[in-house]
Protein backbone atom coordinates (compact mmCIF):
# COMPACT_ATOMS: atom_id res chain seq x y z
CA UNK A 1 -62.67 19.96 4.97
CA UNK A 2 -63.19 21.90 7.98
CA UNK A 3 -61.24 21.40 11.38
CA UNK A 4 -63.47 22.11 14.66
CA UNK A 5 -61.30 23.34 17.07
CA UNK A 6 -64.05 22.58 19.94
CA UNK A 7 -64.73 19.43 21.88
CA UNK A 8 -67.44 18.10 21.69
CA UNK A 9 -68.70 19.03 25.45
CA UNK A 10 -67.66 22.50 24.61
CA UNK A 11 -70.00 22.21 21.53
CA UNK A 12 -72.58 20.82 23.80
CA UNK A 13 -72.09 24.03 26.34
CA UNK A 14 -72.08 26.92 23.54
CA UNK A 15 -75.26 25.33 22.28
CA UNK A 16 -77.23 25.59 25.92
CA UNK A 17 -75.95 29.30 25.52
CA UNK A 18 -77.40 29.98 22.59
CA UNK A 19 -80.21 28.12 23.32
CA UNK A 20 -81.25 29.81 26.38
CA UNK A 21 -80.65 33.12 25.41
CA UNK A 22 -82.98 32.51 22.48
CA UNK A 23 -85.67 31.12 25.21
CA UNK A 24 -85.28 34.54 27.25
CA UNK A 25 -85.29 36.15 24.10
CA UNK A 26 -88.59 34.91 23.60
CA UNK A 27 -90.20 34.62 27.28
CA UNK A 28 -89.49 37.92 27.31
CA UNK A 29 -91.49 38.48 24.45
CA UNK A 30 -94.17 36.70 25.83
CA UNK A 31 -94.30 32.93 24.24
CA UNK A 32 -95.33 30.65 26.25
CA UNK A 33 -93.40 27.97 24.96
CA UNK A 34 -90.35 29.55 25.49
CA UNK A 35 -91.48 30.45 28.95
CA UNK A 36 -91.65 26.55 29.58
CA UNK A 37 -88.90 25.71 27.77
CA UNK A 38 -86.80 28.23 30.32
CA UNK A 39 -89.30 26.49 33.27
CA UNK A 40 -88.29 23.04 32.80
CA UNK A 41 -84.44 23.99 31.85
CA UNK A 42 -84.13 26.31 35.46
CA UNK A 43 -86.00 23.32 37.71
CA UNK A 44 -83.67 20.36 36.27
CA UNK A 45 -80.44 22.49 35.28
CA UNK A 46 -80.22 21.90 31.50
CA UNK A 47 -77.83 24.33 30.40
CA UNK A 48 -77.91 26.44 33.33
CA UNK A 49 -77.18 26.30 36.92
CA UNK A 50 -80.75 24.62 38.71
CA UNK A 51 -82.60 27.64 40.14
CA UNK A 52 -86.04 26.24 40.84
CA UNK A 53 -87.21 29.48 41.94
CA UNK A 54 -86.43 31.03 38.49
CA UNK A 55 -88.23 28.06 37.06
CA UNK A 56 -91.48 28.47 39.28
CA UNK A 57 -90.84 32.76 37.85
CA UNK A 58 -91.68 30.61 34.52
CA UNK A 59 -94.31 28.50 35.14
CA UNK A 60 -96.03 31.06 36.60
CA UNK A 61 -95.75 33.82 33.45
CA UNK A 62 -96.86 31.06 31.04
CA UNK A 63 -100.31 29.74 33.93
CA UNK A 64 -101.04 33.60 33.47
CA UNK A 65 -101.59 32.81 30.23
CA UNK A 66 -103.82 29.76 30.88
CA UNK A 67 -101.04 27.53 29.60
CA UNK A 68 -102.27 23.65 30.86
CA UNK A 69 -98.58 22.55 31.14
CA UNK A 70 -97.55 25.42 33.11
CA UNK A 71 -100.35 24.97 35.57
CA UNK A 72 -99.51 21.54 35.79
CA UNK A 73 -96.09 22.18 36.71
CA UNK A 74 -96.50 24.68 39.02
CA UNK A 75 -99.04 22.30 40.67
CA UNK A 76 -96.05 20.06 41.16
CA UNK A 77 -93.70 22.57 42.07
CA UNK A 78 -96.25 23.42 45.13
CA UNK A 79 -96.70 19.43 46.02
CA UNK A 80 -93.20 19.14 46.18
CA UNK A 81 -91.85 22.28 47.61
CA UNK A 82 -89.56 22.66 44.26
CA UNK A 83 -88.63 26.46 44.34
CA UNK A 84 -91.89 27.32 46.64
CA UNK A 85 -92.96 26.50 50.00
CA UNK A 86 -94.65 23.41 49.99
CA UNK A 87 -98.42 24.10 49.87
CA UNK A 88 -101.40 21.39 49.05
CA UNK A 89 -103.60 24.43 48.78
CA UNK A 90 -101.72 25.74 46.10
CA UNK A 91 -101.00 22.17 44.35
CA UNK A 92 -104.60 21.69 44.40
CA UNK A 93 -105.61 24.98 42.50
CA UNK A 94 -102.78 24.74 39.78
CA UNK A 95 -103.99 21.20 39.23
CA UNK A 96 -107.70 21.90 39.37
CA UNK A 97 -106.68 24.82 36.69
CA UNK A 98 -104.47 22.91 34.77
CA UNK A 99 -106.97 20.47 34.26
CA UNK A 100 -109.90 22.65 33.81
CA UNK A 101 -107.72 23.49 30.83
CA UNK A 102 -107.41 19.36 29.77
CA UNK A 103 -104.44 18.64 30.92
CA UNK A 104 -104.77 14.76 30.90
CA UNK A 105 -102.72 14.16 34.18
CA UNK A 106 -103.33 17.08 36.13
CA UNK A 107 -107.19 15.29 37.34
CA UNK A 108 -104.73 12.17 38.96
CA UNK A 109 -102.51 14.29 40.81
CA UNK A 110 -106.04 16.09 42.16
CA UNK A 111 -107.33 12.63 43.17
CA UNK A 112 -103.60 11.66 45.03
CA UNK A 113 -103.73 15.16 46.36
CA UNK A 114 -107.44 14.36 47.89
CA UNK A 115 -106.17 10.29 49.47
CA UNK A 116 -104.13 12.29 51.50
CA UNK A 117 -106.30 14.96 53.24
């Protein structure tokens, strides 16, 4: 019989740290999904201290590799001013790129931004 010396909360924290470590290693090697996962973790504070600027950094790395999800997330960051200065122009740029790359929700975001103009 195994006995755990960690509480459930301690295990969750330890698992998050291992996950983040693995994501960073893979993201620095250029793995797009890892870059997206780090961006998500940073923007929502999942397993790390919330840091919207770091999220933008990882999303930009993934977007440079033409990832539609990263472009869409960057559009949201610019639309709301999360980790960057709010900019309708940059939001439209990234939503347009996401749309061209096949992201299903990007077109709706573009329509919404155009209505605000």
